[in-house]
Amino acid sequence: MTNLILSVLMLAGAALFAGGIYVLRKGINKKQGWLMLVAAAVMFANVGIWTIPTPESNLPVSPQSAD
């Protein structure tokens, strides 16, 4: 499920990035174009944060051992 969410975020980020560039080049609404680029950057940063591997000792919940 996580892979699906990350894939959708990447596609949405790419669409926002392309749309932001398009809006800025057309000169329709520069504020909206910049906001679209910022939203795309936030999406890409979220995907980057979620995919960074963490050491096992830094997990928020330690795995239970089956005794």
N, C-alpha and C. Protein backbone atom coordinates (compact mmCIF):
# COMPACT_ATOMS: atom_id res chain seq x y z
N MET A 1 0.82 -1.19 0.00
CA MET A 1 0.00 0.00 0.00
C MET A 1 0.87 1.26 0.00
N THR A 2 1.99 1.18 0.72
CA THR A 2 2.87 2.34 0.78
C THR A 2 3.43 2.68 -0.60
N ASN A 3 3.76 1.63 -1.38
CA ASN A 3 4.30 1.88 -2.72
C ASN A 3 3.28 2.60 -3.61
N LEU A 4 2.01 2.24 -3.46
CA LEU A 4 0.97 2.89 -4.25
C LEU A 4 0.86 4.37 -3.88
N ILE A 5 0.89 4.66 -2.59
CA ILE A 5 0.78 6.05 -2.13
C ILE A 5 1.98 6.87 -2.62
N LEU A 6 3.17 6.31 -2.52
CA LEU A 6 4.36 7.02 -2.99
C LEU A 6 4.31 7.25 -4.50
N SER A 7 3.80 6.28 -5.24
CA SER A 7 3.68 6.44 -6.69
C SER A 7 2.69 7.53 -7.05
N VAL A 8 1.56 7.57 -6.36
CA VAL A 8 0.55 8.60 -6.62
C VAL A 8 1.11 9.98 -6.27
N LEU A 9 1.85 10.07 -5.15
CA LEU A 9 2.46 11.35 -4.78
C LEU A 9 3.46 11.81 -5.83
N MET A 10 4.26 10.90 -6.38
CA MET A 10 5.22 11.28 -7.41
C MET A 10 4.51 11.75 -8.68
N LEU A 11 3.45 11.04 -9.08
CA LEU A 11 2.71 11.46 -10.27
C LEU A 11 2.03 12.81 -10.05
N ALA A 12 1.44 13.01 -8.88
CA ALA A 12 0.80 14.29 -8.59
C ALA A 12 1.84 15.42 -8.53
N GLY A 13 3.00 15.13 -7.96
CA GLY A 13 4.07 16.13 -7.91
C GLY A 13 4.55 16.50 -9.30
N ALA A 14 4.68 15.50 -10.17
CA ALA A 14 5.11 15.77 -11.54
C ALA A 14 4.06 16.60 -12.28
N ALA A 15 2.78 16.28 -12.06
CA ALA A 15 1.71 17.05 -12.70
C ALA A 15 1.69 18.49 -12.18
N LEU A 16 1.86 18.66 -10.88
CA LEU A 16 1.89 20.01 -10.32
C LEU A 16 3.10 20.79 -10.84
N PHE A 17 4.23 20.12 -10.95
CA PHE A 17 5.44 20.79 -11.45
C PHE A 17 5.23 21.25 -12.90
N ALA A 18 4.73 20.33 -13.73
CA ALA A 18 4.50 20.68 -15.14
C ALA A 18 3.44 21.77 -15.26
N GLY A 19 2.38 21.68 -14.47
CA GLY A 19 1.34 22.70 -14.50
C GLY A 19 1.85 24.05 -14.02
N GLY A 20 2.70 24.04 -12.99
CA GLY A 20 3.27 25.28 -12.49
C GLY A 20 4.16 25.97 -13.53
N ILE A 21 4.97 25.17 -14.21
CA ILE A 21 5.82 25.73 -15.27
C ILE A 21 4.95 26.29 -16.39
N TYR A 22 3.90 25.55 -16.76
CA TYR A 22 3.00 26.01 -17.82
C TYR A 22 2.34 27.34 -17.45
N VAL A 23 1.83 27.42 -16.24
CA VAL A 23 1.14 28.64 -15.80
C VAL A 23 2.12 29.82 -15.74
N LEU A 24 3.34 29.58 -15.27
CA LEU A 24 4.33 30.66 -15.21
C LEU A 24 4.73 31.13 -16.60
N ARG A 25 4.90 30.20 -17.54
CA ARG A 25 5.31 30.60 -18.89
C ARG A 25 4.20 31.34 -19.63
N LYS A 26 2.94 30.94 -19.38
CA LYS A 26 1.83 31.62 -20.01
C LYS A 26 1.60 33.00 -19.40
N GLY A 27 2.00 33.17 -18.14
CA GLY A 27 1.80 34.44 -17.48
C GLY A 27 0.37 34.66 -17.04
N ILE A 28 -0.38 33.57 -16.92
CA ILE A 28 -1.80 33.67 -16.55
C ILE A 28 -1.93 34.18 -15.12
N ASN A 29 -1.38 33.44 -14.18
CA ASN A 29 -1.48 33.79 -12.77
C ASN A 29 -0.19 33.32 -12.10
N LYS A 30 0.76 34.23 -11.97
CA LYS A 30 2.08 33.86 -11.47
C LYS A 30 2.04 33.33 -10.04
N LYS A 31 1.17 33.89 -9.22
CA LYS A 31 1.07 33.43 -7.84
C LYS A 31 0.64 31.97 -7.78
N GLN A 32 -0.33 31.59 -8.58
CA GLN A 32 -0.79 30.22 -8.63
C GLN A 32 0.30 29.29 -9.15
N GLY A 33 1.06 29.74 -10.13
CA GLY A 33 2.16 28.95 -10.67
C GLY A 33 3.22 28.67 -9.62
N TRP A 34 3.59 29.70 -8.86
CA TRP A 34 4.59 29.50 -7.80
C TRP A 34 4.07 28.58 -6.71
N LEU A 35 2.80 28.71 -6.36
CA LEU A 35 2.23 27.84 -5.34
C LEU A 35 2.20 26.38 -5.81
N MET A 36 1.95 26.18 -7.09
CA MET A 36 1.98 24.82 -7.63
C MET A 36 3.39 24.24 -7.56
N LEU A 37 4.39 25.05 -7.84
CA LEU A 37 5.77 24.58 -7.76
C LEU A 37 6.16 24.26 -6.31
N VAL A 38 5.70 25.07 -5.38
CA VAL A 38 5.98 24.81 -3.96
C VAL A 38 5.30 23.52 -3.51
N ALA A 39 4.05 23.32 -3.93
CA ALA A 39 3.33 22.10 -3.57
C ALA A 39 4.03 20.87 -4.14
N ALA A 40 4.55 20.98 -5.37
CA ALA A 40 5.28 19.86 -5.97
C ALA A 40 6.56 19.58 -5.17
N ALA A 41 7.26 20.62 -4.76
CA ALA A 41 8.48 20.43 -3.96
C ALA A 41 8.17 19.76 -2.63
N VAL A 42 7.06 20.13 -2.01
CA VAL A 42 6.66 19.51 -0.74
C VAL A 42 6.36 18.03 -0.96
N MET A 43 5.67 17.70 -2.03
CA MET A 43 5.37 16.30 -2.31
C MET A 43 6.65 15.49 -2.54
N PHE A 44 7.58 16.05 -3.31
CA PHE A 44 8.84 15.34 -3.56
C PHE A 44 9.65 15.18 -2.27
N ALA A 45 9.62 16.19 -1.42
CA ALA A 45 10.33 16.09 -0.14
C ALA A 45 9.70 15.03 0.75
N ASN A 46 8.37 14.93 0.75
CA ASN A 46 7.70 13.90 1.55
C ASN A 46 8.08 12.50 1.07
N VAL A 47 8.12 12.30 -0.22
CA VAL A 47 8.51 11.00 -0.75
C VAL A 47 9.96 10.70 -0.37
N GLY A 48 10.81 11.71 -0.45
CA GLY A 48 12.21 11.51 -0.05
C GLY A 48 12.35 11.14 1.41
N ILE A 49 11.59 11.79 2.26
CA ILE A 49 11.66 11.50 3.69
C ILE A 49 11.15 10.10 3.98
N TRP A 50 10.06 9.70 3.33
CA TRP A 50 9.48 8.37 3.58
C TRP A 50 10.37 7.24 3.09
N THR A 51 11.21 7.50 2.09
CA THR A 51 12.03 6.42 1.53
C THR A 51 13.42 6.34 2.15
N ILE A 52 13.78 7.26 3.03
CA ILE A 52 15.09 7.18 3.69
C ILE A 52 15.08 6.01 4.66
N PRO A 53 16.04 5.10 4.52
CA PRO A 53 16.06 3.96 5.45
C PRO A 53 16.49 4.40 6.85
N THR A 54 15.93 3.77 7.85
CA THR A 54 16.28 4.07 9.23
C THR A 54 16.88 2.83 9.87
N PRO A 55 17.82 3.01 10.77
CA PRO A 55 18.36 1.84 11.47
C PRO A 55 17.29 1.21 12.36
N GLU A 56 17.43 -0.06 12.59
CA GLU A 56 16.43 -0.79 13.38
C GLU A 56 16.31 -0.24 14.80
N SER A 57 17.40 0.29 15.35
CA SER A 57 17.34 0.81 16.72
C SER A 57 16.60 2.13 16.81
N ASN A 58 16.37 2.81 15.69
CA ASN A 58 15.68 4.10 15.69
C ASN A 58 14.20 4.01 15.37
N LEU A 59 13.65 2.81 15.29
CA LEU A 59 12.24 2.67 15.00
C LEU A 59 11.40 3.19 16.15
N PRO A 60 10.28 3.84 15.87
CA PRO A 60 9.46 4.37 16.95
C PRO A 60 8.86 3.29 17.84
N VAL A 61 8.59 2.11 17.28
CA VAL A 61 8.05 1.01 18.05
C VAL A 61 8.98 -0.18 17.85
N SER A 62 9.48 -0.72 18.93
CA SER A 62 10.39 -1.86 18.81
C SER A 62 9.58 -3.13 18.52
N PRO A 63 10.10 -3.96 17.63
CA PRO A 63 9.39 -5.19 17.29
C PRO A 63 9.31 -6.14 18.47
N GLN A 64 8.19 -6.83 18.62
CA GLN A 64 8.01 -7.77 19.72
C GLN A 64 8.66 -9.10 19.35
N SER A 65 9.34 -9.67 20.29
CA SER A 65 9.94 -10.98 20.03
C SER A 65 8.93 -12.06 20.36
N ALA A 66 8.86 -13.08 19.53
CA ALA A 66 7.92 -14.16 19.73
C ALA A 66 8.57 -15.20 20.65
N ASP A 67 8.20 -15.18 21.92
CA ASP A 67 8.79 -16.13 22.88
C ASP A 67 7.98 -17.39 22.95
